[in-house]
Amino acid sequence: MTRSQSQKPAHKDLGRNDQKPVITPKAAYVPVSKRSCSRSL
């Protein structure tokens, strides 16, 4: 019962968190960090 319930939400969370939050924050942090450094210099 614990493994079945733990695996169901974990798989759904990983799939949803791996596509949106991973690509959104990484793609937004990379350009933002580079632009901020370039403007500061």
PDB file of N, CA and C in Angstrom:
ATOM      1  N   MET A   1       0.848  -1.206   0.000  1.00  0.00           N
ATOM      2  CA  MET A   1       0.000   0.000   0.000  1.00  0.00           C
ATOM      3  C   MET A   1       0.891   1.266   0.000  1.00  0.00           C
ATOM      4  N   THR A   2       1.943   1.213   0.734  1.00  0.00           N
ATOM      5  CA  THR A   2       2.812   2.409   0.804  1.00  0.00           C
ATOM      6  C   THR A   2       3.595   2.580  -0.495  1.00  0.00           C
ATOM      7  N   ARG A   3       4.045   1.466  -1.052  1.00  0.00           N
ATOM      8  CA  ARG A   3       4.852   1.557  -2.288  1.00  0.00           C
ATOM      9  C   ARG A   3       3.954   1.966  -3.466  1.00  0.00           C
ATOM     10  N   SER A   4       2.782   1.434  -3.509  1.00  0.00           N
ATOM     11  CA  SER A   4       1.877   1.736  -4.646  1.00  0.00           C
ATOM     12  C   SER A   4       1.513   3.229  -4.620  1.00  0.00           C
ATOM     13  N   GLN A   5       1.213   3.726  -3.466  1.00  0.00           N
ATOM     14  CA  GLN A   5       0.801   5.145  -3.369  1.00  0.00           C
ATOM     15  C   GLN A   5       2.008   6.079  -3.550  1.00  0.00           C
ATOM     16  N   SER A   6       3.150   5.612  -3.136  1.00  0.00           N
ATOM     17  CA  SER A   6       4.356   6.463  -3.226  1.00  0.00           C
ATOM     18  C   SER A   6       4.856   6.513  -4.675  1.00  0.00           C
ATOM     19  N   GLN A   7       4.680   5.426  -5.390  1.00  0.00           N
ATOM     20  CA  GLN A   7       5.172   5.377  -6.783  1.00  0.00           C
ATOM     21  C   GLN A   7       4.219   6.117  -7.727  1.00  0.00           C
ATOM     22  N   LYS A   8       2.952   6.067  -7.450  1.00  0.00           N
ATOM     23  CA  LYS A   8       1.978   6.726  -8.367  1.00  0.00           C
ATOM     24  C   LYS A   8       2.202   8.247  -8.386  1.00  0.00           C
ATOM     25  N   PRO A   9       2.189   8.900  -7.266  1.00  0.00           N
ATOM     26  CA  PRO A   9       2.377  10.362  -7.234  1.00  0.00           C
ATOM     27  C   PRO A   9       3.801  10.758  -7.626  1.00  0.00           C
ATOM     28  N   ALA A  10       4.739   9.917  -7.297  1.00  0.00           N
ATOM     29  CA  ALA A  10       6.147  10.233  -7.619  1.00  0.00           C
ATOM     30  C   ALA A  10       6.336  10.243  -9.137  1.00  0.00           C
ATOM     31  N   HIS A  11       5.763   9.274  -9.811  1.00  0.00           N
ATOM     32  CA  HIS A  11       5.920   9.206 -11.280  1.00  0.00           C
ATOM     33  C   HIS A  11       5.209  10.387 -11.946  1.00  0.00           C
ATOM     34  N   LYS A  12       4.052  10.724 -11.437  1.00  0.00           N
ATOM     35  CA  LYS A  12       3.285  11.837 -12.047  1.00  0.00           C
ATOM     36  C   LYS A  12       3.999  13.166 -11.752  1.00  0.00           C
ATOM     37  N   ASP A  13       4.528  13.296 -10.582  1.00  0.00           N
ATOM     38  CA  ASP A  13       5.217  14.543 -10.203  1.00  0.00           C
ATOM     39  C   ASP A  13       6.520  14.702 -10.995  1.00  0.00           C
ATOM     40  N   LEU A  14       7.220  13.599 -11.150  1.00  0.00           N
ATOM     41  CA  LEU A  14       8.513  13.650 -11.877  1.00  0.00           C
ATOM     42  C   LEU A  14       8.272  14.020 -13.340  1.00  0.00           C
ATOM     43  N   GLY A  15       7.276  13.412 -13.934  1.00  0.00           N
ATOM     44  CA  GLY A  15       6.984  13.673 -15.358  1.00  0.00           C
ATOM     45  C   GLY A  15       6.548  15.119 -15.550  1.00  0.00           C
ATOM     46  N   ARG A  16       5.773  15.625 -14.658  1.00  0.00           N
ATOM     47  CA  ARG A  16       5.264  17.000 -14.805  1.00  0.00           C
ATOM     48  C   ARG A  16       6.349  18.003 -14.375  1.00  0.00           C
ATOM     49  N   ASN A  17       7.094  17.660 -13.375  1.00  0.00           N
ATOM     50  CA  ASN A  17       8.138  18.586 -12.878  1.00  0.00           C
ATOM     51  C   ASN A  17       9.394  18.528 -13.746  1.00  0.00           C
ATOM     52  N   ASP A  18       9.515  17.464 -14.497  1.00  0.00           N
ATOM     53  CA  ASP A  18      10.734  17.308 -15.321  1.00  0.00           C
ATOM     54  C   ASP A  18      10.595  18.040 -16.663  1.00  0.00           C
ATOM     55  N   GLN A  19       9.382  18.332 -17.055  1.00  0.00           N
ATOM     56  CA  GLN A  19       9.196  18.964 -18.381  1.00  0.00           C
ATOM     57  C   GLN A  19       9.017  20.476 -18.259  1.00  0.00           C
ATOM     58  N   LYS A  20       8.269  20.924 -17.287  1.00  0.00           N
ATOM     59  CA  LYS A  20       7.990  22.374 -17.208  1.00  0.00           C
ATOM     60  C   LYS A  20       8.981  23.101 -16.284  1.00  0.00           C
ATOM     61  N   PRO A  21       9.056  22.739 -15.038  1.00  0.00           N
ATOM     62  CA  PRO A  21       9.935  23.444 -14.091  1.00  0.00           C
ATOM     63  C   PRO A  21      11.413  23.294 -14.435  1.00  0.00           C
ATOM     64  N   VAL A  22      11.777  22.187 -15.024  1.00  0.00           N
ATOM     65  CA  VAL A  22      13.211  21.968 -15.347  1.00  0.00           C
ATOM     66  C   VAL A  22      13.622  22.802 -16.559  1.00  0.00           C
ATOM     67  N   ILE A  23      12.785  22.846 -17.573  1.00  0.00           N
ATOM     68  CA  ILE A  23      13.133  23.594 -18.804  1.00  0.00           C
ATOM     69  C   ILE A  23      12.880  25.099 -18.599  1.00  0.00           C
ATOM     70  N   THR A  24      11.884  25.423 -17.822  1.00  0.00           N
ATOM     71  CA  THR A  24      11.550  26.849 -17.624  1.00  0.00           C
ATOM     72  C   THR A  24      12.598  27.573 -16.779  1.00  0.00           C
ATOM     73  N   PRO A  25      12.923  27.054 -15.612  1.00  0.00           N
ATOM     74  CA  PRO A  25      13.907  27.732 -14.750  1.00  0.00           C
ATOM     75  C   PRO A  25      15.307  27.721 -15.355  1.00  0.00           C
ATOM     76  N   LYS A  26      15.693  26.634 -15.961  1.00  0.00           N
ATOM     77  CA  LYS A  26      17.056  26.543 -16.549  1.00  0.00           C
ATOM     78  C   LYS A  26      17.173  27.500 -17.738  1.00  0.00           C
ATOM     79  N   ALA A  27      16.200  27.518 -18.603  1.00  0.00           N
ATOM     80  CA  ALA A  27      16.259  28.365 -19.807  1.00  0.00           C
ATOM     81  C   ALA A  27      16.129  29.838 -19.399  1.00  0.00           C
ATOM     82  N   ALA A  28      15.434  30.107 -18.327  1.00  0.00           N
ATOM     83  CA  ALA A  28      15.232  31.504 -17.900  1.00  0.00           C
ATOM     84  C   ALA A  28      16.422  31.975 -17.058  1.00  0.00           C
ATOM     85  N   TYR A  29      17.032  31.061 -16.324  1.00  0.00           N
ATOM     86  CA  TYR A  29      18.178  31.441 -15.471  1.00  0.00           C
ATOM     87  C   TYR A  29      19.441  31.668 -16.306  1.00  0.00           C
ATOM     88  N   VAL A  30      19.613  30.878 -17.338  1.00  0.00           N
ATOM     89  CA  VAL A  30      20.836  30.996 -18.165  1.00  0.00           C
ATOM     90  C   VAL A  30      20.889  32.351 -18.875  1.00  0.00           C
ATOM     91  N   PRO A  31      19.845  32.732 -19.594  1.00  0.00           N
ATOM     92  CA  PRO A  31      19.838  34.013 -20.317  1.00  0.00           C
ATOM     93  C   PRO A  31      19.821  35.192 -19.342  1.00  0.00           C
ATOM     94  N   VAL A  32      19.149  35.041 -18.245  1.00  0.00           N
ATOM     95  CA  VAL A  32      19.049  36.149 -17.269  1.00  0.00           C
ATOM     96  C   VAL A  32      20.405  36.388 -16.602  1.00  0.00           C
ATOM     97  N   SER A  33      21.078  35.312 -16.269  1.00  0.00           N
ATOM     98  CA  SER A  33      22.393  35.439 -15.596  1.00  0.00           C
ATOM     99  C   SER A  33      23.418  36.046 -16.573  1.00  0.00           C
ATOM    100  N   LYS A  34      23.376  35.624 -17.799  1.00  0.00           N
ATOM    101  CA  LYS A  34      24.345  36.137 -18.806  1.00  0.00           C
ATOM    102  C   LYS A  34      24.039  37.607 -19.118  1.00  0.00           C
ATOM    103  N   ARG A  35      22.798  37.952 -19.217  1.00  0.00           N
ATOM    104  CA  ARG A  35      22.437  39.344 -19.559  1.00  0.00           C
ATOM    105  C   ARG A  35      22.763  40.256 -18.372  1.00  0.00           C
ATOM    106  N   SER A  36      22.530  39.762 -17.168  1.00  0.00           N
ATOM    107  CA  SER A  36      22.785  40.589 -15.973  1.00  0.00           C
ATOM    108  C   SER A  36      24.291  40.869 -15.858  1.00  0.00           C
ATOM    109  N   CYS A  37      25.089  39.880 -16.112  1.00  0.00           N
ATOM    110  CA  CYS A  37      26.563  40.039 -16.018  1.00  0.00           C
ATOM    111  C   CYS A  37      27.045  40.983 -17.136  1.00  0.00           C
ATOM    112  N   SER A  38      26.492  40.832 -18.297  1.00  0.00           N
ATOM    113  CA  SER A  38      26.926  41.646 -19.455  1.00  0.00           C
ATOM    114  C   SER A  38      26.556  43.113 -19.206  1.00  0.00           C
ATOM    115  N   ARG A  39      25.395  43.356 -18.643  1.00  0.00           N
ATOM    116  CA  ARG A  39      24.941  44.742 -18.421  1.00  0.00           C
ATOM    117  C   ARG A  39      25.764  45.357 -17.280  1.00  0.00           C
ATOM    118  N   SER A  40      26.086  44.551 -16.292  1.00  0.00           N
ATOM    119  CA  SER A  40      26.840  45.072 -15.131  1.00  0.00           C
ATOM    120  C   SER A  40      28.254  45.479 -15.576  1.00  0.00           C
ATOM    121  N   LEU A  41      28.850  44.691 -16.446  1.00  0.00           N
ATOM    122  CA  LEU A  41      30.224  44.982 -16.904  1.00  0.00           C
ATOM    123  C   LEU A  41      30.185  46.181 -17.847  1.00  0.00           C
TER     124      LEU A  41
END
